[in-house]
Amino acid sequence: MAFFSLFGPKDPQDKDLYEYIHNIFGFYPKNIALYRVAFTHKSMSAEKVGSYHVSNERMEYLGDAVLGTAVADFLFHTYPTQPEGFLTEMRSRIVSRASLNKLSQKLGFEDYIRHAPDKSSGQGFKSIGGNAFEALMGAIYLDRGYEFAKSVIVNRIIKVHIDLDELQQTDVNYKSKLLEWSQKNKKKLEFKMLEEIGTGNKKMYHVQIVIDDKAYADALDRSIRGAEQLAAEKTSQVLFKD
């Protein structure tokens, strides 16, 4: 507690966040206010600092770029003989909305994201967890710089929480498996694009699996292939549950 009295934040909630960042990512924030914003969902936009409505949307935009660049750099040096297509696909899988949502839940973001009551559970949290993760990467970048942020992404996220070998086999396990099954059983398989949501770096693709004109699972992701893969995974869990 003496550490807090000399160097840490005074607000009890900030103290909890301060310790959480250290426990999960291995460092203490210099500017805790940046991290507080990173964990503030837009549903809390009624809160203001001066004339500024506080939420993590702008920081999410920045964090998306930092995360994508750091992952691309890591993959480029980790797989020196792999072609561009492989690197692009691996990066897409690591930074996909589904991957970041799962990671945010695994790391316990739910206890720290500040949001309106109607965003407290179910699909609502699933949609804001990945956003907060990207915003947090933006906060680290603003607080400590790019090289520090890249080190955290590589050493505390990718190397600890992401199985690269398993990630390479994802298509084989789900989408390719579903395609093989449909051909073997003479089934008509379609990856149907339901809609495209948003624009720019916020764009999401909504894809549904249709087999012999019967609708199965659907999924959202920032890439078409990512959405197809997620929908294929859900459908495979139904078809091959035995």
C-alpha atoms as a PDB file:
ATOM      1  CA  MET A   1       0.000   0.000   0.000  1.00  0.00           C
ATOM      2  CA  ALA A   2       2.935   2.318   0.546  1.00  0.00           C
ATOM      3  CA  PHE A   3       3.681   2.062  -3.165  1.00  0.00           C
ATOM      4  CA  PHE A   4       0.288   3.566  -3.976  1.00  0.00           C
ATOM      5  CA  SER A   5       0.669   6.387  -1.479  1.00  0.00           C
ATOM      6  CA  LEU A   6       3.881   7.521  -3.150  1.00  0.00           C
ATOM      7  CA  PHE A   7       3.405   6.731  -6.838  1.00  0.00           C
ATOM      8  CA  GLY A   8       0.028   5.162  -7.646  1.00  0.00           C
ATOM      9  CA  PRO A   9      -3.427   6.620  -8.240  1.00  0.00           C
ATOM     10  CA  LYS A  10      -5.572   7.862  -5.361  1.00  0.00           C
ATOM     11  CA  ASP A  11      -9.018   6.731  -6.581  1.00  0.00           C
ATOM     12  CA  PRO A  12      -9.860   3.180  -5.338  1.00  0.00           C
ATOM     13  CA  GLN A  13     -11.201   2.116  -8.760  1.00  0.00           C
ATOM     14  CA  ASP A  14      -8.045   3.380 -10.419  1.00  0.00           C
ATOM     15  CA  LYS A  15      -5.964   1.456  -7.888  1.00  0.00           C
ATOM     16  CA  ASP A  16      -7.755  -1.751  -8.873  1.00  0.00           C
ATOM     17  CA  LEU A  17      -7.187  -1.051 -12.577  1.00  0.00           C
ATOM     18  CA  TYR A  18      -3.565  -0.094 -11.865  1.00  0.00           C
ATOM     19  CA  GLU A  19      -2.892  -3.451 -10.199  1.00  0.00           C
ATOM     20  CA  TYR A  20      -4.873  -5.348 -12.844  1.00  0.00           C
ATOM     21  CA  ILE A  21      -2.718  -3.946 -15.664  1.00  0.00           C
ATOM     22  CA  HIS A  22       0.410  -4.931 -13.747  1.00  0.00           C
ATOM     23  CA  ASN A  23      -0.821  -8.451 -12.962  1.00  0.00           C
ATOM     24  CA  ILE A  24      -1.911  -9.220 -16.532  1.00  0.00           C
ATOM     25  CA  PHE A  25       0.606  -7.303 -18.639  1.00  0.00           C
ATOM     26  CA  GLY A  26       3.606  -6.971 -16.318  1.00  0.00           C
ATOM     27  CA  PHE A  27       3.955  -3.198 -15.974  1.00  0.00           C
ATOM     28  CA  TYR A  28       2.465  -0.276 -14.075  1.00  0.00           C
ATOM     29  CA  PRO A  29       0.770   2.491 -16.090  1.00  0.00           C
ATOM     30  CA  LYS A  30       2.329   5.926 -16.052  1.00  0.00           C
ATOM     31  CA  ASN A  31      -0.951   7.676 -16.899  1.00  0.00           C
ATOM     32  CA  ILE A  32      -3.840   5.661 -15.458  1.00  0.00           C
ATOM     33  CA  ALA A  33      -6.384   8.022 -17.058  1.00  0.00           C
ATOM     34  CA  LEU A  34      -5.562   6.586 -20.488  1.00  0.00           C
ATOM     35  CA  TYR A  35      -6.425   3.082 -19.308  1.00  0.00           C
ATOM     36  CA  ARG A  36      -9.619   4.292 -17.648  1.00  0.00           C
ATOM     37  CA  VAL A  37     -10.738   5.683 -21.013  1.00  0.00           C
ATOM     38  CA  ALA A  38      -9.740   2.444 -22.773  1.00  0.00           C
ATOM     39  CA  PHE A  39     -12.148   0.561 -20.522  1.00  0.00           C
ATOM     40  CA  THR A  40     -15.024   3.041 -20.950  1.00  0.00           C
ATOM     41  CA  HIS A  41     -17.676   1.910 -23.441  1.00  0.00           C
ATOM     42  CA  LYS A  42     -19.557   4.462 -25.561  1.00  0.00           C
ATOM     43  CA  SER A  43     -22.741   3.666 -23.617  1.00  0.00           C
ATOM     44  CA  MET A  44     -21.182   5.841 -20.887  1.00  0.00           C
ATOM     45  CA  SER A  45     -20.789   8.792 -23.271  1.00  0.00           C
ATOM     46  CA  ALA A  46     -22.900  10.996 -21.007  1.00  0.00           C
ATOM     47  CA  GLU A  47     -19.761  11.319 -18.872  1.00  0.00           C
ATOM     48  CA  LYS A  48     -17.659  14.301 -19.862  1.00  0.00           C
ATOM     49  CA  VAL A  49     -14.220  15.702 -19.199  1.00  0.00           C
ATOM     50  CA  GLY A  50     -14.631  19.373 -20.072  1.00  0.00           C
ATOM     51  CA  SER A  51     -16.431  19.291 -23.426  1.00  0.00           C
ATOM     52  CA  TYR A  52     -15.137  15.806 -24.327  1.00  0.00           C
ATOM     53  CA  HIS A  53     -17.485  12.808 -24.130  1.00  0.00           C
ATOM     54  CA  VAL A  54     -15.436  10.010 -22.594  1.00  0.00           C
ATOM     55  CA  SER A  55     -15.420   6.645 -24.404  1.00  0.00           C
ATOM     56  CA  ASN A  56     -12.878   4.294 -25.916  1.00  0.00           C
ATOM     57  CA  GLU A  57     -13.914   4.651 -29.580  1.00  0.00           C
ATOM     58  CA  ARG A  58     -11.059   6.950 -30.654  1.00  0.00           C
ATOM     59  CA  MET A  59      -8.527   4.909 -28.697  1.00  0.00           C
ATOM     60  CA  GLU A  60      -9.901   1.730 -30.290  1.00  0.00           C
ATOM     61  CA  TYR A  61      -9.120   3.197 -33.721  1.00  0.00           C
ATOM     62  CA  LEU A  62      -5.526   3.822 -32.662  1.00  0.00           C
ATOM     63  CA  GLY A  63      -5.123   0.475 -30.945  1.00  0.00           C
ATOM     64  CA  ASP A  64      -6.365  -1.385 -34.020  1.00  0.00           C
ATOM     65  CA  ALA A  65      -3.460   0.092 -36.017  1.00  0.00           C
ATOM     66  CA  VAL A  66      -0.892  -0.581 -33.272  1.00  0.00           C
ATOM     67  CA  LEU A  67      -2.043  -4.181 -32.810  1.00  0.00           C
ATOM     68  CA  GLY A  68      -2.130  -4.903 -36.545  1.00  0.00           C
ATOM     69  CA  THR A  69       1.353  -3.469 -37.095  1.00  0.00           C
ATOM     70  CA  ALA A  70       2.895  -5.301 -34.135  1.00  0.00           C
ATOM     71  CA  VAL A  71       1.364  -8.635 -35.152  1.00  0.00           C
ATOM     72  CA  ALA A  72       2.461  -8.153 -38.780  1.00  0.00           C
ATOM     73  CA  ASP A  73       6.029  -7.410 -37.662  1.00  0.00           C
ATOM     74  CA  PHE A  74       6.085 -10.450 -35.364  1.00  0.00           C
ATOM     75  CA  LEU A  75       4.773 -12.807 -38.059  1.00  0.00           C
ATOM     76  CA  PHE A  76       7.155 -11.407 -40.688  1.00  0.00           C
ATOM     77  CA  HIS A  77      10.180 -12.301 -38.557  1.00  0.00           C
ATOM     78  CA  THR A  78       8.745 -15.546 -37.143  1.00  0.00           C
ATOM     79  CA  TYR A  79       7.979 -17.029 -40.575  1.00  0.00           C
ATOM     80  CA  PRO A  80      10.807 -15.763 -42.846  1.00  0.00           C
ATOM     81  CA  THR A  81      10.035 -18.199 -45.698  1.00  0.00           C
ATOM     82  CA  GLN A  82       6.233 -17.967 -45.758  1.00  0.00           C
ATOM     83  CA  PRO A  83       4.485 -16.009 -48.561  1.00  0.00           C
ATOM     84  CA  GLU A  84       2.440 -12.843 -48.108  1.00  0.00           C
ATOM     85  CA  GLY A  85      -0.863 -14.706 -48.267  1.00  0.00           C
ATOM     86  CA  PHE A  86       0.050 -16.890 -45.289  1.00  0.00           C
ATOM     87  CA  LEU A  87       1.155 -13.892 -43.221  1.00  0.00           C
ATOM     88  CA  THR A  88      -2.013 -11.959 -44.051  1.00  0.00           C
ATOM     89  CA  GLU A  89      -4.236 -14.880 -43.097  1.00  0.00           C
ATOM     90  CA  MET A  90      -2.429 -15.496 -39.808  1.00  0.00           C
ATOM     91  CA  ARG A  91      -2.612 -11.825 -38.870  1.00  0.00           C
ATOM     92  CA  SER A  92      -6.330 -11.803 -39.691  1.00  0.00           C
ATOM     93  CA  ARG A  93      -6.941 -14.763 -37.402  1.00  0.00           C
ATOM     94  CA  ILE A  94      -4.991 -13.258 -34.500  1.00  0.00           C
ATOM     95  CA  VAL A  95      -6.688  -9.839 -34.633  1.00  0.00           C
ATOM     96  CA  SER A  96     -10.164 -11.049 -35.641  1.00  0.00           C
ATOM     97  CA  ARG A  97     -13.077  -9.757 -33.608  1.00  0.00           C
ATOM     98  CA  ALA A  98     -13.874 -13.281 -32.393  1.00  0.00           C
ATOM     99  CA  SER A  99     -10.281 -13.840 -31.263  1.00  0.00           C
ATOM    100  CA  LEU A 100     -10.105 -10.525 -29.389  1.00  0.00           C
ATOM    101  CA  ASN A 101     -13.519 -11.088 -27.801  1.00  0.00           C
ATOM    102  CA  LYS A 102     -12.425 -14.489 -26.489  1.00  0.00           C
ATOM    103  CA  LEU A 103      -9.115 -13.092 -25.283  1.00  0.00           C
ATOM    104  CA  SER A 104     -10.798 -10.216 -23.449  1.00  0.00           C
ATOM    105  CA  GLN A 105     -13.064 -12.669 -21.656  1.00  0.00           C
ATOM    106  CA  LYS A 106     -10.136 -14.931 -20.764  1.00  0.00           C
ATOM    107  CA  LEU A 107      -8.260 -11.971 -19.280  1.00  0.00           C
ATOM    108  CA  GLY A 108     -11.232 -10.803 -17.223  1.00  0.00           C
ATOM    109  CA  PHE A 109     -11.984  -7.510 -18.979  1.00  0.00           C
ATOM    110  CA  GLU A 110     -15.629  -7.812 -17.943  1.00  0.00           C
ATOM    111  CA  ASP A 111     -14.742  -6.740 -14.411  1.00  0.00           C
ATOM    112  CA  TYR A 112     -13.128  -3.506 -15.602  1.00  0.00           C
ATOM    113  CA  ILE A 113     -15.125  -2.276 -18.613  1.00  0.00           C
ATOM    114  CA  ARG A 114     -17.366   0.606 -17.604  1.00  0.00           C
ATOM    115  CA  HIS A 115     -20.682   0.432 -19.465  1.00  0.00           C
ATOM    116  CA  ALA A 116     -24.366   1.171 -19.147  1.00  0.00           C
ATOM    117  CA  PRO A 117     -26.385  -1.524 -17.300  1.00  0.00           C
ATOM    118  CA  ASP A 118     -27.969  -2.901 -20.486  1.00  0.00           C
ATOM    119  CA  LYS A 119     -24.488  -3.820 -21.758  1.00  0.00           C
ATOM    120  CA  SER A 120     -23.595  -5.931 -18.754  1.00  0.00           C
ATOM    121  CA  SER A 121     -24.128  -9.447 -20.081  1.00  0.00           C
ATOM    122  CA  GLY A 122     -24.661 -11.790 -23.007  1.00  0.00           C
ATOM    123  CA  GLN A 123     -23.971 -10.685 -26.560  1.00  0.00           C
ATOM    124  CA  GLY A 124     -23.572  -7.100 -25.361  1.00  0.00           C
ATOM    125  CA  PHE A 125     -20.353  -7.895 -23.550  1.00  0.00           C
ATOM    126  CA  LYS A 126     -19.064 -10.091 -26.369  1.00  0.00           C
ATOM    127  CA  SER A 127     -19.254  -7.119 -28.700  1.00  0.00           C
ATOM    128  CA  ILE A 128     -17.479  -4.654 -26.408  1.00  0.00           C
ATOM    129  CA  GLY A 129     -14.694  -6.904 -25.131  1.00  0.00           C
ATOM    130  CA  GLY A 130     -12.727  -6.888 -28.383  1.00  0.00           C
ATOM    131  CA  ASN A 131     -13.233  -3.134 -28.730  1.00  0.00           C
ATOM    132  CA  ALA A 132     -11.816  -2.580 -25.251  1.00  0.00           C
ATOM    133  CA  PHE A 133      -8.861  -4.824 -26.065  1.00  0.00           C
ATOM    134  CA  GLU A 134      -7.940  -2.694 -29.073  1.00  0.00           C
ATOM    135  CA  ALA A 135      -8.464   0.489 -27.045  1.00  0.00           C
ATOM    136  CA  LEU A 136      -6.129  -0.868 -24.374  1.00  0.00           C
ATOM    137  CA  MET A 137      -3.410  -1.375 -26.985  1.00  0.00           C
ATOM    138  CA  GLY A 138      -3.932   2.268 -27.945  1.00  0.00           C
ATOM    139  CA  ALA A 139      -3.604   3.301 -24.305  1.00  0.00           C
ATOM    140  CA  ILE A 140      -0.336   1.392 -23.916  1.00  0.00           C
ATOM    141  CA  TYR A 141       0.998   3.039 -27.077  1.00  0.00           C
ATOM    142  CA  LEU A 142       0.091   6.534 -25.832  1.00  0.00           C
ATOM    143  CA  ASP A 143       1.454   5.816 -22.363  1.00  0.00           C
ATOM    144  CA  ARG A 144       4.702   4.022 -23.249  1.00  0.00           C
ATOM    145  CA  GLY A 145       5.334   4.278 -27.013  1.00  0.00           C
ATOM    146  CA  TYR A 146       5.215   1.828 -29.901  1.00  0.00           C
ATOM    147  CA  GLU A 147       8.224  -0.376 -29.051  1.00  0.00           C
ATOM    148  CA  PHE A 148       6.913  -0.950 -25.538  1.00  0.00           C
ATOM    149  CA  ALA A 149       3.409  -1.692 -26.849  1.00  0.00           C
ATOM    150  CA  LYS A 150       4.838  -4.145 -29.401  1.00  0.00           C
ATOM    151  CA  SER A 151       6.772  -5.911 -26.647  1.00  0.00           C
ATOM    152  CA  VAL A 152       3.595  -6.314 -24.581  1.00  0.00           C
ATOM    153  CA  ILE A 153       1.645  -7.616 -27.588  1.00  0.00           C
ATOM    154  CA  VAL A 154       4.334 -10.151 -28.496  1.00  0.00           C
ATOM    155  CA  ASN A 155       5.536 -11.289 -25.065  1.00  0.00           C
ATOM    156  CA  ARG A 156       2.414 -10.982 -22.921  1.00  0.00           C
ATOM    157  CA  ILE A 157      -0.304 -11.767 -25.485  1.00  0.00           C
ATOM    158  CA  ILE A 158       0.877 -13.759 -28.504  1.00  0.00           C
ATOM    159  CA  LYS A 159       3.480 -15.929 -26.753  1.00  0.00           C
ATOM    160  CA  VAL A 160       1.298 -16.523 -23.697  1.00  0.00           C
ATOM    161  CA  HIS A 161      -2.252 -16.768 -25.015  1.00  0.00           C
ATOM    162  CA  ILE A 162      -2.089 -17.706 -28.718  1.00  0.00           C
ATOM    163  CA  ASP A 163      -1.181 -21.155 -30.044  1.00  0.00           C
ATOM    164  CA  LEU A 164       0.266 -20.382 -33.474  1.00  0.00           C
ATOM    165  CA  ASP A 165       0.474 -24.041 -34.519  1.00  0.00           C
ATOM    166  CA  GLU A 166      -3.191 -24.567 -33.711  1.00  0.00           C
ATOM    167  CA  LEU A 167      -4.083 -21.309 -35.430  1.00  0.00           C
ATOM    168  CA  GLN A 168      -2.485 -22.521 -38.671  1.00  0.00           C
ATOM    169  CA  GLN A 169      -4.756 -25.572 -38.641  1.00  0.00           C
ATOM    170  CA  THR A 170      -7.999 -23.684 -38.087  1.00  0.00           C
ATOM    171  CA  ASP A 171      -9.165 -23.850 -41.689  1.00  0.00           C
ATOM    172  CA  VAL A 172      -8.324 -27.544 -41.886  1.00  0.00           C
ATOM    173  CA  ASN A 173     -10.304 -28.272 -38.750  1.00  0.00           C
ATOM    174  CA  TYR A 174     -13.467 -26.394 -39.696  1.00  0.00           C
ATOM    175  CA  LYS A 175     -13.987 -24.798 -43.101  1.00  0.00           C
ATOM    176  CA  SER A 176     -12.039 -27.390 -45.076  1.00  0.00           C
ATOM    177  CA  LYS A 177     -13.597 -30.181 -43.060  1.00  0.00           C
ATOM    178  CA  LEU A 178     -17.060 -28.861 -43.857  1.00  0.00           C
ATOM    179  CA  LEU A 179     -16.236 -28.563 -47.566  1.00  0.00           C
ATOM    180  CA  GLU A 180     -14.882 -32.112 -47.646  1.00  0.00           C
ATOM    181  CA  TRP A 181     -17.973 -33.449 -45.856  1.00  0.00           C
ATOM    182  CA  SER A 182     -20.351 -31.686 -48.251  1.00  0.00           C
ATOM    183  CA  GLN A 183     -18.568 -33.046 -51.337  1.00  0.00           C
ATOM    184  CA  LYS A 184     -18.423 -36.578 -49.947  1.00  0.00           C
ATOM    185  CA  ASN A 185     -22.132 -36.554 -49.071  1.00  0.00           C
ATOM    186  CA  LYS A 186     -23.205 -34.662 -52.219  1.00  0.00           C
ATOM    187  CA  LYS A 187     -24.546 -31.729 -50.213  1.00  0.00           C
ATOM    188  CA  LYS A 188     -24.963 -28.253 -51.602  1.00  0.00           C
ATOM    189  CA  LEU A 189     -22.868 -26.007 -49.339  1.00  0.00           C
ATOM    190  CA  GLU A 190     -23.042 -22.219 -49.515  1.00  0.00           C
ATOM    191  CA  PHE A 191     -21.254 -19.513 -47.544  1.00  0.00           C
ATOM    192  CA  LYS A 192     -23.958 -16.883 -47.867  1.00  0.00           C
ATOM    193  CA  MET A 193     -23.149 -13.206 -47.335  1.00  0.00           C
ATOM    194  CA  LEU A 194     -26.065 -11.779 -45.349  1.00  0.00           C
ATOM    195  CA  GLU A 195     -24.828  -8.199 -44.981  1.00  0.00           C
ATOM    196  CA  GLU A 196     -21.879  -5.866 -44.666  1.00  0.00           C
ATOM    197  CA  ILE A 197     -22.022  -3.663 -41.580  1.00  0.00           C
ATOM    198  CA  GLY A 198     -20.188  -0.357 -41.140  1.00  0.00           C
ATOM    199  CA  THR A 199     -17.412   1.201 -43.183  1.00  0.00           C
ATOM    200  CA  GLY A 200     -13.631   1.515 -43.141  1.00  0.00           C
ATOM    201  CA  ASN A 201     -11.805  -0.207 -40.301  1.00  0.00           C
ATOM    202  CA  LYS A 202     -15.164  -0.744 -38.548  1.00  0.00           C
ATOM    203  CA  LYS A 203     -16.565  -2.848 -41.403  1.00  0.00           C
ATOM    204  CA  MET A 204     -17.950  -6.260 -40.442  1.00  0.00           C
ATOM    205  CA  TYR A 205     -19.098  -9.147 -42.639  1.00  0.00           C
ATOM    206  CA  HIS A 206     -22.101 -11.281 -41.686  1.00  0.00           C
ATOM    207  CA  VAL A 207     -21.944 -14.781 -43.215  1.00  0.00           C
ATOM    208  CA  GLN A 208     -24.283 -17.754 -42.851  1.00  0.00           C
ATOM    209  CA  ILE A 209     -23.785 -21.439 -43.716  1.00  0.00           C
ATOM    210  CA  VAL A 210     -26.552 -22.857 -45.911  1.00  0.00           C
ATOM    211  CA  ILE A 211     -26.644 -26.613 -46.648  1.00  0.00           C
ATOM    212  CA  ASP A 212     -29.217 -27.932 -49.124  1.00  0.00           C
ATOM    213  CA  ASP A 213     -31.144 -24.683 -48.742  1.00  0.00           C
ATOM    214  CA  LYS A 214     -31.288 -25.093 -44.948  1.00  0.00           C
ATOM    215  CA  ALA A 215     -29.754 -22.290 -42.864  1.00  0.00           C
ATOM    216  CA  TYR A 216     -27.208 -23.247 -40.234  1.00  0.00           C
ATOM    217  CA  ALA A 217     -24.880 -21.076 -38.135  1.00  0.00           C
ATOM    218  CA  ASP A 218     -23.989 -17.463 -38.922  1.00  0.00           C
ATOM    219  CA  ALA A 219     -21.093 -15.295 -37.756  1.00  0.00           C
ATOM    220  CA  LEU A 220     -19.628 -11.790 -37.873  1.00  0.00           C
ATOM    221  CA  ASP A 221     -16.004 -10.873 -38.462  1.00  0.00           C
ATOM    222  CA  ARG A 222     -13.863  -8.117 -39.962  1.00  0.00           C
ATOM    223  CA  SER A 223     -12.861 -10.320 -42.890  1.00  0.00           C
ATOM    224  CA  ILE A 224     -15.042 -12.479 -45.130  1.00  0.00           C
ATOM    225  CA  ARG A 225     -12.800 -15.508 -44.580  1.00  0.00           C
ATOM    226  CA  GLY A 226     -12.887 -14.945 -40.842  1.00  0.00           C
ATOM    227  CA  ALA A 227     -16.685 -14.852 -40.818  1.00  0.00           C
ATOM    228  CA  GLU A 228     -16.815 -17.983 -42.989  1.00  0.00           C
ATOM    229  CA  GLN A 229     -14.426 -19.768 -40.646  1.00  0.00           C
ATOM    230  CA  LEU A 230     -16.414 -18.879 -37.535  1.00  0.00           C
ATOM    231  CA  ALA A 231     -19.695 -19.930 -39.146  1.00  0.00           C
ATOM    232  CA  ALA A 232     -18.077 -23.176 -40.318  1.00  0.00           C
ATOM    233  CA  GLU A 233     -16.824 -23.840 -36.790  1.00  0.00           C
ATOM    234  CA  LYS A 234     -20.295 -23.405 -35.296  1.00  0.00           C
ATOM    235  CA  THR A 235     -21.891 -25.557 -38.000  1.00  0.00           C
ATOM    236  CA  SER A 236     -19.272 -28.296 -37.596  1.00  0.00           C
ATOM    237  CA  GLN A 237     -19.986 -28.437 -33.887  1.00  0.00           C
ATOM    238  CA  VAL A 238     -23.617 -29.242 -34.731  1.00  0.00           C
ATOM    239  CA  LEU A 239     -22.979 -31.682 -37.598  1.00  0.00           C
ATOM    240  CA  PHE A 240     -20.019 -33.523 -36.086  1.00  0.00           C
ATOM    241  CA  LYS A 241     -20.882 -33.358 -32.391  1.00  0.00           C
ATOM    242  CA  ASP A 242     -20.444 -37.081 -31.986  1.00  0.00           C
END
